[in-house]
Amino acid sequence: AATGAASHVTFTADAWALVHATIDRDHPGATIVGWYHSHPGFGVFLSDMDTFIQRHFFDLPWQVALVVDPVARDIGTFVWRDETPTRVPHG
């Protein structure tokens, strides 16, 4: 139910409804802890749109964003710090 192109994916209300219906059906009681996506060859960061998504759809203090750049072999986790999604080092 989502649409996409080379540099973006759009989740419609129907796509989100399908996500939640699938969780309710296949994983009752499960919680979405965050989201992930890739920036192949562009580096690990949250773009303005990524930050918008994090702020509006994954805004709980324990929800994270994971960004992967498979070309650079880099991965970053972004957590909430001082009300800002902030990259934290991997151990």
Protein backbone atom coordinates (compact mmCIF):
# COMPACT_ATOMS: atom_id res chain seq x y z
CA ALA A 1 0.00 0.00 0.00
CA ALA A 2 3.06 2.28 0.03
CA THR A 3 4.38 4.00 -3.08
CA GLY A 4 8.01 4.76 -3.83
CA ALA A 5 10.72 5.89 -6.19
CA ALA A 6 14.51 5.80 -6.12
CA SER A 7 14.82 8.35 -3.34
CA HIS A 8 11.62 8.10 -1.33
CA VAL A 9 8.76 5.98 -0.07
CA THR A 10 5.32 7.31 0.79
CA PHE A 11 3.24 5.53 3.41
CA THR A 12 -0.42 6.34 2.90
CA ALA A 13 -3.12 6.06 5.55
CA ASP A 14 -4.00 2.72 3.92
CA ALA A 15 -0.40 1.53 4.31
CA TRP A 16 -0.37 2.42 8.00
CA ALA A 17 -3.74 0.71 8.49
CA LEU A 18 -2.30 -2.44 6.89
CA VAL A 19 0.79 -2.28 9.13
CA HIS A 20 -1.34 -2.03 12.26
CA ALA A 21 -3.79 -4.71 11.10
CA THR A 22 -0.89 -7.08 10.41
CA ILE A 23 0.63 -6.43 13.83
CA ASP A 24 -2.73 -6.95 15.53
CA ARG A 25 -3.34 -10.18 13.61
CA ASP A 26 0.14 -11.73 13.61
CA HIS A 27 1.75 -10.21 16.70
CA PRO A 28 -0.96 -9.28 19.22
CA GLY A 29 0.38 -7.02 21.95
CA ALA A 30 3.52 -6.11 19.96
CA THR A 31 4.73 -2.54 19.85
CA ILE A 32 6.45 -0.63 17.05
CA VAL A 33 9.78 0.51 18.51
CA GLY A 34 10.94 2.51 15.51
CA TRP A 35 11.74 2.40 11.85
CA TYR A 36 14.68 1.90 9.53
CA HIS A 37 15.72 2.84 6.05
CA SER A 38 18.81 3.18 3.89
CA HIS A 39 20.78 5.98 2.29
CA PRO A 40 22.98 4.00 -0.14
CA GLY A 41 26.02 6.12 -0.91
CA PHE A 42 24.64 9.23 0.83
CA GLY A 43 25.81 8.69 4.42
CA VAL A 44 24.05 8.12 7.70
CA PHE A 45 21.91 11.05 8.80
CA LEU A 46 18.27 12.02 9.22
CA SER A 47 17.11 14.25 6.39
CA ASP A 48 14.52 16.95 7.03
CA MET A 49 11.81 14.51 5.90
CA ASP A 50 13.25 11.72 8.08
CA THR A 51 13.19 14.07 11.07
CA PHE A 52 9.58 15.00 10.26
CA ILE A 53 8.66 11.29 10.21
CA GLN A 54 10.45 10.66 13.50
CA ARG A 55 8.79 13.65 15.18
CA HIS A 56 5.27 12.84 13.96
CA PHE A 57 5.08 9.05 13.82
CA PHE A 58 7.80 7.76 16.19
CA ASP A 59 7.73 10.45 18.85
CA LEU A 60 7.68 8.32 22.00
CA PRO A 61 10.85 8.61 24.10
CA TRP A 62 11.83 4.98 23.45
CA GLN A 63 11.23 4.94 19.68
CA VAL A 64 14.30 4.91 17.43
CA ALA A 65 15.34 5.41 13.83
CA LEU A 66 17.98 3.22 12.21
CA VAL A 67 19.73 4.43 9.04
CA VAL A 68 22.03 2.23 6.96
CA ASP A 69 24.46 3.24 4.23
CA PRO A 70 25.40 -0.13 2.71
CA VAL A 71 27.89 1.47 0.30
CA ALA A 72 29.89 3.08 3.12
CA ARG A 73 29.19 0.10 5.41
CA ASP A 74 27.90 2.49 8.06
CA ILE A 75 24.90 2.23 10.33
CA GLY A 76 23.45 4.75 12.75
CA THR A 77 20.84 4.64 15.48
CA PHE A 78 18.98 7.81 16.39
CA VAL A 79 17.34 8.15 19.81
CA TRP A 80 15.50 10.97 21.52
CA ARG A 81 17.84 13.32 23.45
CA ASP A 82 16.59 16.71 24.63
CA GLU A 83 13.55 16.33 22.33
CA THR A 84 15.82 15.86 19.30
CA PRO A 85 16.55 12.67 17.36
CA THR A 86 20.28 12.22 18.02
CA ARG A 87 22.74 9.67 16.63
CA VAL A 88 24.30 7.52 19.32
CA PRO A 89 27.53 5.54 18.95
CA HIS A 90 27.35 1.80 18.53
CA GLY A 91 29.22 -0.21 21.15
